[in-house]
Amino acid sequence: MEEYNFQSIVDVGSGKGALTHLLKKRNNQVIGFDISPTAVEQAKARFPDIQFSSIDVNDSDKFELFLKDFLKSHVGGGSLIFTAECLSYLSNWKDFIQVASRNIDYLMVSLYIPKDPIGFVKTAKELELEICKYYEIIESVYLAKSGFIVIFGKSHAI
């Protein structure tokens, strides 16, 4: 990731901003999305230089409008959508990836997938195959023993 300089970064499932603030640099714009208004308010108080919004990304149309609005004023240098430990909670996680690919240059997903997952993403292979539909995978790390996967890709649409 060090070789990339993303002008715009969208953190989906940002919570209180614990990881979001690490994505912020002097020359970029970062927005954190989370379903919890309480977490968003706490993140805004802790990191006033970062924009946070409460949104349910299960509403694909609303999410896409938010993305377009954010990116409209933050063009140049490429864009990244980052999500850590969030996709398993999205019933429409496949739609989420497709919407992201139409609007965002790069995707980074970090996810724990246990042997008997209760979330919506059931296997690392399923996740990788879905991402491959819309993104060229640049890096993929899967730790089979622990069930942890990180995927970084570039949109086919860009």
N, C-alpha and C. Protein backbone atom coordinates (compact mmCIF):
# COMPACT_ATOMS: atom_id res chain seq x y z
N MET A 1 0.83 -1.20 0.00
CA MET A 1 0.00 0.00 0.00
C MET A 1 0.87 1.26 0.00
N GLU A 2 2.10 1.18 0.47
CA GLU A 2 2.95 2.37 0.57
C GLU A 2 3.18 3.02 -0.78
N GLU A 3 3.17 2.24 -1.87
CA GLU A 3 3.44 2.82 -3.19
C GLU A 3 2.23 3.55 -3.77
N TYR A 4 1.09 3.46 -3.13
CA TYR A 4 -0.12 4.13 -3.60
C TYR A 4 -0.37 5.40 -2.81
N ASN A 5 -0.85 6.41 -3.50
CA ASN A 5 -1.20 7.66 -2.85
C ASN A 5 -2.65 7.96 -3.20
N PHE A 6 -3.56 7.51 -2.36
CA PHE A 6 -4.98 7.67 -2.64
C PHE A 6 -5.45 9.06 -2.22
N GLN A 7 -6.03 9.77 -3.17
CA GLN A 7 -6.58 11.09 -2.89
C GLN A 7 -7.84 10.98 -2.04
N SER A 8 -8.64 9.95 -2.30
CA SER A 8 -9.91 9.76 -1.60
C SER A 8 -9.96 8.35 -1.04
N ILE A 9 -10.32 8.24 0.25
CA ILE A 9 -10.44 6.93 0.88
C ILE A 9 -11.78 6.86 1.60
N VAL A 10 -12.49 5.78 1.35
CA VAL A 10 -13.78 5.53 1.99
C VAL A 10 -13.61 4.30 2.88
N ASP A 11 -13.86 4.47 4.17
CA ASP A 11 -13.77 3.38 5.14
C ASP A 11 -15.19 2.96 5.51
N VAL A 12 -15.57 1.77 5.10
CA VAL A 12 -16.92 1.28 5.37
C VAL A 12 -16.87 0.37 6.59
N GLY A 13 -17.69 0.72 7.59
CA GLY A 13 -17.66 0.03 8.87
C GLY A 13 -16.62 0.66 9.77
N SER A 14 -16.55 1.98 9.71
CA SER A 14 -15.49 2.73 10.39
C SER A 14 -15.63 2.76 11.92
N GLY A 15 -16.80 2.48 12.43
CA GLY A 15 -16.99 2.50 13.88
C GLY A 15 -16.58 3.84 14.47
N LYS A 16 -15.75 3.80 15.51
CA LYS A 16 -15.31 5.01 16.20
C LYS A 16 -14.07 5.64 15.56
N GLY A 17 -13.66 5.12 14.41
CA GLY A 17 -12.54 5.72 13.68
C GLY A 17 -11.17 5.18 14.03
N ALA A 18 -11.10 4.06 14.76
CA ALA A 18 -9.82 3.51 15.22
C ALA A 18 -8.85 3.22 14.07
N LEU A 19 -9.35 2.70 12.95
CA LEU A 19 -8.49 2.47 11.78
C LEU A 19 -8.58 3.64 10.79
N THR A 20 -9.72 4.27 10.75
CA THR A 20 -9.95 5.35 9.78
C THR A 20 -8.91 6.44 9.89
N HIS A 21 -8.59 6.85 11.10
CA HIS A 21 -7.63 7.95 11.26
C HIS A 21 -6.23 7.58 10.76
N LEU A 22 -5.91 6.28 10.69
CA LEU A 22 -4.61 5.85 10.16
C LEU A 22 -4.54 6.01 8.64
N LEU A 23 -5.70 6.11 7.99
CA LEU A 23 -5.75 6.28 6.53
C LEU A 23 -5.60 7.75 6.12
N LYS A 24 -5.77 8.64 7.08
CA LYS A 24 -5.73 10.08 6.81
C LYS A 24 -4.30 10.58 6.74
N LYS A 25 -4.02 11.30 5.66
CA LYS A 25 -2.73 11.97 5.48
C LYS A 25 -3.00 13.42 5.14
N ARG A 26 -1.96 14.23 5.06
CA ARG A 26 -2.14 15.65 4.77
C ARG A 26 -2.77 15.89 3.40
N ASN A 27 -2.47 15.04 2.43
CA ASN A 27 -2.90 15.30 1.05
C ASN A 27 -4.10 14.47 0.60
N ASN A 28 -4.87 13.92 1.52
CA ASN A 28 -6.03 13.15 1.06
C ASN A 28 -7.28 13.48 1.87
N GLN A 29 -8.39 13.01 1.35
CA GLN A 29 -9.68 13.15 2.02
C GLN A 29 -10.16 11.75 2.39
N VAL A 30 -10.64 11.63 3.61
CA VAL A 30 -11.11 10.34 4.10
C VAL A 30 -12.51 10.51 4.65
N ILE A 31 -13.37 9.54 4.36
CA ILE A 31 -14.71 9.51 4.95
C ILE A 31 -14.92 8.13 5.55
N GLY A 32 -15.52 8.11 6.73
CA GLY A 32 -15.86 6.86 7.38
C GLY A 32 -17.37 6.69 7.40
N PHE A 33 -17.83 5.54 6.98
CA PHE A 33 -19.26 5.20 7.02
C PHE A 33 -19.48 4.12 8.06
N ASP A 34 -20.51 4.28 8.87
CA ASP A 34 -20.88 3.24 9.81
C ASP A 34 -22.38 3.29 10.04
N ILE A 35 -22.98 2.16 10.33
CA ILE A 35 -24.42 2.09 10.55
C ILE A 35 -24.80 2.70 11.90
N SER A 36 -23.85 2.77 12.84
CA SER A 36 -24.14 3.24 14.18
C SER A 36 -23.96 4.75 14.31
N PRO A 37 -25.06 5.50 14.51
CA PRO A 37 -24.93 6.95 14.72
C PRO A 37 -24.10 7.29 15.96
N THR A 38 -24.16 6.45 16.98
CA THR A 38 -23.39 6.68 18.20
C THR A 38 -21.89 6.57 17.92
N ALA A 39 -21.50 5.54 17.20
CA ALA A 39 -20.08 5.37 16.84
C ALA A 39 -19.61 6.53 15.97
N VAL A 40 -20.45 6.96 15.04
CA VAL A 40 -20.09 8.08 14.15
C VAL A 40 -19.88 9.35 14.95
N GLU A 41 -20.75 9.63 15.91
CA GLU A 41 -20.61 10.84 16.74
C GLU A 41 -19.31 10.79 17.54
N GLN A 42 -18.98 9.62 18.07
CA GLN A 42 -17.73 9.48 18.83
C GLN A 42 -16.52 9.67 17.91
N ALA A 43 -16.59 9.12 16.70
CA ALA A 43 -15.50 9.27 15.74
C ALA A 43 -15.31 10.74 15.36
N LYS A 44 -16.41 11.45 15.13
CA LYS A 44 -16.34 12.88 14.79
C LYS A 44 -15.67 13.67 15.91
N ALA A 45 -15.97 13.34 17.15
CA ALA A 45 -15.39 14.05 18.29
C ALA A 45 -13.89 13.75 18.42
N ARG A 46 -13.51 12.51 18.15
CA ARG A 46 -12.11 12.10 18.28
C ARG A 46 -11.24 12.57 17.13
N PHE A 47 -11.82 12.62 15.92
CA PHE A 47 -11.05 12.94 14.71
C PHE A 47 -11.78 13.99 13.88
N PRO A 48 -11.75 15.24 14.29
CA PRO A 48 -12.53 16.29 13.61
C PRO A 48 -12.05 16.60 12.18
N ASP A 49 -10.86 16.16 11.81
CA ASP A 49 -10.36 16.41 10.45
C ASP A 49 -10.83 15.36 9.45
N ILE A 50 -11.62 14.40 9.92
CA ILE A 50 -12.13 13.34 9.04
C ILE A 50 -13.65 13.41 9.02
N GLN A 51 -14.20 13.22 7.84
CA GLN A 51 -15.66 13.22 7.68
C GLN A 51 -16.19 11.83 8.02
N PHE A 52 -17.23 11.77 8.84
CA PHE A 52 -17.90 10.51 9.19
C PHE A 52 -19.39 10.67 8.93
N SER A 53 -20.03 9.60 8.45
CA SER A 53 -21.47 9.62 8.20
C SER A 53 -22.07 8.29 8.63
N SER A 54 -23.28 8.38 9.16
CA SER A 54 -24.01 7.17 9.51
C SER A 54 -24.87 6.78 8.30
N ILE A 55 -24.63 5.59 7.81
CA ILE A 55 -25.38 5.09 6.65
C ILE A 55 -25.41 3.57 6.71
N ASP A 56 -26.53 3.02 6.28
CA ASP A 56 -26.67 1.57 6.16
C ASP A 56 -26.30 1.23 4.72
N VAL A 57 -25.14 0.65 4.51
CA VAL A 57 -24.69 0.34 3.15
C VAL A 57 -25.45 -0.83 2.54
N ASN A 58 -26.36 -1.43 3.31
CA ASN A 58 -27.25 -2.43 2.71
C ASN A 58 -28.21 -1.79 1.72
N ASP A 59 -28.41 -0.47 1.84
CA ASP A 59 -29.21 0.28 0.86
C ASP A 59 -28.26 0.72 -0.25
N SER A 60 -28.11 -0.13 -1.27
CA SER A 60 -27.12 0.09 -2.33
C SER A 60 -27.29 1.41 -3.06
N ASP A 61 -28.53 1.80 -3.34
CA ASP A 61 -28.77 3.05 -4.07
C ASP A 61 -28.32 4.26 -3.24
N LYS A 62 -28.68 4.27 -1.98
CA LYS A 62 -28.29 5.37 -1.09
C LYS A 62 -26.77 5.41 -0.93
N PHE A 63 -26.17 4.24 -0.77
CA PHE A 63 -24.72 4.16 -0.62
C PHE A 63 -24.02 4.70 -1.87
N GLU A 64 -24.51 4.33 -3.03
CA GLU A 64 -23.89 4.80 -4.27
C GLU A 64 -24.01 6.32 -4.40
N LEU A 65 -25.14 6.88 -4.00
CA LEU A 65 -25.30 8.34 -4.03
C LEU A 65 -24.30 9.02 -3.09
N PHE A 66 -24.11 8.47 -1.90
CA PHE A 66 -23.12 9.00 -0.95
C PHE A 66 -21.72 8.96 -1.54
N LEU A 67 -21.38 7.84 -2.19
CA LEU A 67 -20.06 7.71 -2.81
C LEU A 67 -19.86 8.76 -3.89
N LYS A 68 -20.84 8.88 -4.78
CA LYS A 68 -20.73 9.85 -5.87
C LYS A 68 -20.60 11.27 -5.33
N ASP A 69 -21.36 11.60 -4.31
CA ASP A 69 -21.31 12.93 -3.73
C ASP A 69 -19.94 13.20 -3.11
N PHE A 70 -19.41 12.25 -2.37
CA PHE A 70 -18.10 12.41 -1.75
C PHE A 70 -17.01 12.55 -2.81
N LEU A 71 -17.04 11.69 -3.82
CA LEU A 71 -15.98 11.68 -4.82
C LEU A 71 -16.04 12.88 -5.77
N LYS A 72 -17.21 13.47 -5.90
CA LYS A 72 -17.38 14.62 -6.80
C LYS A 72 -16.38 15.73 -6.48
N SER A 73 -16.15 15.96 -5.22
CA SER A 73 -15.27 17.06 -4.83
C SER A 73 -13.86 16.59 -4.44
N HIS A 74 -13.57 15.32 -4.62
CA HIS A 74 -12.26 14.79 -4.22
C HIS A 74 -11.68 13.92 -5.34
N VAL A 75 -11.45 14.49 -6.47
CA VAL A 75 -10.96 13.73 -7.62
C VAL A 75 -9.45 13.90 -7.75
N GLY A 76 -8.78 12.89 -8.29
CA GLY A 76 -7.35 12.96 -8.54
C GLY A 76 -6.58 12.06 -7.59
N GLY A 77 -5.59 11.37 -8.13
CA GLY A 77 -4.75 10.53 -7.28
C GLY A 77 -5.33 9.17 -6.97
N GLY A 78 -6.51 8.88 -7.46
CA GLY A 78 -7.11 7.58 -7.22
C GLY A 78 -7.92 7.51 -5.95
N SER A 79 -8.77 6.52 -5.87
CA SER A 79 -9.64 6.36 -4.70
C SER A 79 -9.59 4.91 -4.23
N LEU A 80 -9.78 4.75 -2.92
CA LEU A 80 -9.74 3.43 -2.28
C LEU A 80 -10.97 3.27 -1.40
N ILE A 81 -11.59 2.11 -1.47
CA ILE A 81 -12.61 1.75 -0.49
C ILE A 81 -12.01 0.64 0.37
N PHE A 82 -12.08 0.85 1.67
CA PHE A 82 -11.47 -0.05 2.64
C PHE A 82 -12.56 -0.54 3.58
N THR A 83 -12.57 -1.82 3.84
CA THR A 83 -13.52 -2.36 4.81
C THR A 83 -12.85 -3.48 5.59
N ALA A 84 -12.90 -3.35 6.90
CA ALA A 84 -12.32 -4.36 7.78
C ALA A 84 -13.42 -4.96 8.63
N GLU A 85 -13.56 -6.27 8.54
CA GLU A 85 -14.51 -7.01 9.37
C GLU A 85 -15.95 -6.52 9.22
N CYS A 86 -16.33 -6.16 8.01
CA CYS A 86 -17.66 -5.60 7.79
C CYS A 86 -18.51 -6.42 6.82
N LEU A 87 -17.90 -6.96 5.78
CA LEU A 87 -18.69 -7.61 4.71
C LEU A 87 -19.58 -8.74 5.19
N SER A 88 -19.15 -9.48 6.19
CA SER A 88 -19.96 -10.59 6.69
C SER A 88 -21.30 -10.15 7.26
N TYR A 89 -21.39 -8.86 7.61
CA TYR A 89 -22.63 -8.33 8.18
C TYR A 89 -23.57 -7.75 7.13
N LEU A 90 -23.11 -7.71 5.88
CA LEU A 90 -23.93 -7.13 4.82
C LEU A 90 -24.65 -8.22 4.04
N SER A 91 -25.97 -8.20 4.10
CA SER A 91 -26.74 -9.19 3.35
C SER A 91 -26.52 -9.03 1.85
N ASN A 92 -26.22 -7.82 1.43
CA ASN A 92 -26.01 -7.54 0.00
C ASN A 92 -24.54 -7.31 -0.32
N TRP A 93 -23.65 -8.03 0.33
CA TRP A 93 -22.22 -7.80 0.17
C TRP A 93 -21.77 -7.90 -1.29
N LYS A 94 -22.43 -8.71 -2.08
CA LYS A 94 -22.07 -8.82 -3.50
C LYS A 94 -22.44 -7.54 -4.25
N ASP A 95 -23.60 -6.97 -3.94
CA ASP A 95 -23.99 -5.68 -4.53
C ASP A 95 -23.03 -4.58 -4.09
N PHE A 96 -22.62 -4.63 -2.82
CA PHE A 96 -21.67 -3.65 -2.28
C PHE A 96 -20.40 -3.62 -3.13
N ILE A 97 -19.86 -4.78 -3.45
CA ILE A 97 -18.62 -4.86 -4.25
C ILE A 97 -18.86 -4.30 -5.65
N GLN A 98 -20.00 -4.61 -6.24
CA GLN A 98 -20.31 -4.10 -7.57
C GLN A 98 -20.46 -2.58 -7.56
N VAL A 99 -21.17 -2.03 -6.59
CA VAL A 99 -21.34 -0.58 -6.47
C VAL A 99 -19.98 0.08 -6.28
N ALA A 100 -19.16 -0.49 -5.42
CA ALA A 100 -17.83 0.06 -5.19
C ALA A 100 -17.03 0.10 -6.49
N SER A 101 -17.08 -0.96 -7.27
CA SER A 101 -16.27 -1.04 -8.50
C SER A 101 -16.68 0.00 -9.53
N ARG A 102 -17.92 0.43 -9.51
CA ARG A 102 -18.39 1.45 -10.47
C ARG A 102 -17.92 2.85 -10.07
N ASN A 103 -17.51 3.02 -8.83
CA ASN A 103 -17.21 4.35 -8.32
C ASN A 103 -15.81 4.53 -7.75
N ILE A 104 -15.18 3.45 -7.33
CA ILE A 104 -13.92 3.51 -6.60
C ILE A 104 -12.85 2.71 -7.35
N ASP A 105 -11.67 3.30 -7.50
CA ASP A 105 -10.57 2.68 -8.25
C ASP A 105 -10.06 1.39 -7.61
N TYR A 106 -9.88 1.41 -6.30
CA TYR A 106 -9.26 0.29 -5.60
C TYR A 106 -10.13 -0.16 -4.43
N LEU A 107 -10.00 -1.44 -4.10
CA LEU A 107 -10.75 -2.05 -3.00
C LEU A 107 -9.77 -2.79 -2.10
N MET A 108 -9.93 -2.63 -0.79
CA MET A 108 -9.18 -3.45 0.16
C MET A 108 -10.16 -4.02 1.16
N VAL A 109 -10.19 -5.33 1.27
CA VAL A 109 -11.08 -6.04 2.19
C VAL A 109 -10.23 -6.84 3.16
N SER A 110 -10.54 -6.69 4.41
CA SER A 110 -9.93 -7.49 5.47
C SER A 110 -11.08 -8.18 6.19
N LEU A 111 -11.00 -9.50 6.33
CA LEU A 111 -12.14 -10.22 6.89
C LEU A 111 -11.70 -11.52 7.56
N TYR A 112 -12.31 -11.80 8.68
CA TYR A 112 -12.14 -13.08 9.37
C TYR A 112 -13.32 -13.96 8.98
N ILE A 113 -13.02 -15.13 8.44
CA ILE A 113 -14.07 -16.08 8.05
C ILE A 113 -13.81 -17.39 8.80
N PRO A 114 -14.57 -17.64 9.86
CA PRO A 114 -14.34 -18.86 10.65
C PRO A 114 -14.79 -20.11 9.90
N LYS A 115 -14.50 -21.27 10.45
CA LYS A 115 -14.86 -22.54 9.80
C LYS A 115 -16.37 -22.69 9.60
N ASP A 116 -17.14 -22.27 10.57
CA ASP A 116 -18.60 -22.32 10.47
C ASP A 116 -19.16 -20.90 10.60
N PRO A 117 -19.04 -20.11 9.53
CA PRO A 117 -19.43 -18.70 9.63
C PRO A 117 -20.94 -18.50 9.79
N ILE A 118 -21.30 -17.54 10.61
CA ILE A 118 -22.71 -17.18 10.75
C ILE A 118 -23.04 -15.96 9.89
N GLY A 119 -22.00 -15.30 9.36
CA GLY A 119 -22.19 -14.12 8.53
C GLY A 119 -22.58 -14.49 7.11
N PHE A 120 -22.70 -13.49 6.26
CA PHE A 120 -23.15 -13.70 4.89
C PHE A 120 -22.05 -14.18 3.95
N VAL A 121 -20.80 -13.87 4.24
CA VAL A 121 -19.68 -14.38 3.44
C VAL A 121 -19.29 -15.72 4.05
N LYS A 122 -19.41 -16.78 3.26
CA LYS A 122 -19.23 -18.13 3.80
C LYS A 122 -17.81 -18.68 3.66
N THR A 123 -17.11 -18.32 2.57
CA THR A 123 -15.75 -18.84 2.38
C THR A 123 -14.86 -17.76 1.75
N ALA A 124 -13.56 -17.95 1.95
CA ALA A 124 -12.58 -17.03 1.34
C ALA A 124 -12.66 -17.14 -0.18
N LYS A 125 -12.87 -18.34 -0.70
CA LYS A 125 -12.95 -18.56 -2.15
C LYS A 125 -14.16 -17.82 -2.73
N GLU A 126 -15.30 -17.88 -2.06
CA GLU A 126 -16.50 -17.17 -2.50
C GLU A 126 -16.22 -15.66 -2.56
N LEU A 127 -15.57 -15.13 -1.55
CA LEU A 127 -15.24 -13.72 -1.52
C LEU A 127 -14.31 -13.35 -2.67
N GLU A 128 -13.27 -14.13 -2.84
CA GLU A 128 -12.30 -13.87 -3.90
C GLU A 128 -12.93 -13.94 -5.28
N LEU A 129 -13.78 -14.93 -5.52
CA LEU A 129 -14.44 -15.06 -6.83
C LEU A 129 -15.36 -13.87 -7.12
N GLU A 130 -16.05 -13.40 -6.10
CA GLU A 130 -16.94 -12.25 -6.29
C GLU A 130 -16.13 -10.98 -6.57
N ILE A 131 -15.07 -10.78 -5.83
CA ILE A 131 -14.23 -9.61 -6.06
C ILE A 131 -13.62 -9.65 -7.46
N CYS A 132 -13.23 -10.83 -7.93
CA CYS A 132 -12.63 -10.99 -9.26
C CYS A 132 -13.57 -10.56 -10.39
N LYS A 133 -14.86 -10.58 -10.16
CA LYS A 133 -15.81 -10.15 -11.18
C LYS A 133 -15.65 -8.67 -11.52
N TYR A 134 -15.21 -7.89 -10.54
CA TYR A 134 -15.19 -6.43 -10.69
C TYR A 134 -13.81 -5.81 -10.49
N TYR A 135 -12.91 -6.54 -9.86
CA TYR A 135 -11.58 -6.03 -9.54
C TYR A 135 -10.51 -7.02 -9.97
N GLU A 136 -9.39 -6.50 -10.45
CA GLU A 136 -8.20 -7.31 -10.68
C GLU A 136 -7.50 -7.40 -9.32
N ILE A 137 -7.29 -8.60 -8.85
CA ILE A 137 -6.66 -8.76 -7.54
C ILE A 137 -5.15 -8.54 -7.67
N ILE A 138 -4.66 -7.55 -6.94
CA ILE A 138 -3.24 -7.22 -6.93
C ILE A 138 -2.52 -8.02 -5.85
N GLU A 139 -3.13 -8.11 -4.69
CA GLU A 139 -2.57 -8.88 -3.57
C GLU A 139 -3.71 -9.61 -2.87
N SER A 140 -3.43 -10.84 -2.47
CA SER A 140 -4.39 -11.60 -1.69
C SER A 140 -3.61 -12.44 -0.69
N VAL A 141 -3.96 -12.29 0.58
CA VAL A 141 -3.32 -13.07 1.63
C VAL A 141 -4.41 -13.81 2.38
N TYR A 142 -4.28 -15.12 2.42
CA TYR A 142 -5.26 -15.93 3.13
C TYR A 142 -4.53 -16.82 4.13
N LEU A 143 -4.86 -16.67 5.38
CA LEU A 143 -4.29 -17.51 6.43
C LEU A 143 -5.33 -18.57 6.77
N ALA A 144 -5.21 -19.73 6.15
CA ALA A 144 -6.23 -20.78 6.26
C ALA A 144 -6.44 -21.24 7.69
N LYS A 145 -5.40 -21.36 8.44
CA LYS A 145 -5.52 -21.85 9.81
C LYS A 145 -6.35 -20.91 10.68
N SER A 146 -6.12 -19.62 10.51
CA SER A 146 -6.85 -18.64 11.34
C SER A 146 -8.13 -18.15 10.66
N GLY A 147 -8.27 -18.34 9.34
CA GLY A 147 -9.47 -17.90 8.63
C GLY A 147 -9.47 -16.42 8.29
N PHE A 148 -8.31 -15.81 8.29
CA PHE A 148 -8.20 -14.37 8.03
C PHE A 148 -7.77 -14.14 6.58
N ILE A 149 -8.45 -13.20 5.89
CA ILE A 149 -8.12 -12.90 4.50
C ILE A 149 -8.04 -11.39 4.29
N VAL A 150 -7.07 -10.98 3.47
CA VAL A 150 -6.94 -9.60 3.04
C VAL A 150 -6.81 -9.62 1.52
N ILE A 151 -7.65 -8.83 0.85
CA ILE A 151 -7.61 -8.74 -0.61
C ILE A 151 -7.50 -7.28 -1.02
N PHE A 152 -6.60 -7.01 -1.95
CA PHE A 152 -6.42 -5.66 -2.48
C PHE A 152 -6.53 -5.76 -4.00
N GLY A 153 -7.42 -4.94 -4.60
CA GLY A 153 -7.62 -5.02 -6.03
C GLY A 153 -7.91 -3.70 -6.69
N LYS A 154 -7.78 -3.69 -8.02
CA LYS A 154 -8.05 -2.51 -8.85
C LYS A 154 -9.25 -2.80 -9.73
N SER A 155 -10.17 -1.84 -9.80
CA SER A 155 -11.41 -2.03 -10.55
C SER A 155 -11.17 -2.25 -12.03
N HIS A 156 -11.92 -3.19 -12.62
CA HIS A 156 -11.88 -3.41 -14.07
C HIS A 156 -12.48 -2.20 -14.80
N ALA A 157 -13.38 -1.48 -14.14
CA ALA A 157 -14.07 -0.36 -14.78
C ALA A 157 -13.21 0.88 -14.90
N ILE A 158 -12.12 0.94 -14.19
CA ILE A 158 -11.28 2.15 -14.16
C ILE A 158 -10.22 2.07 -15.25
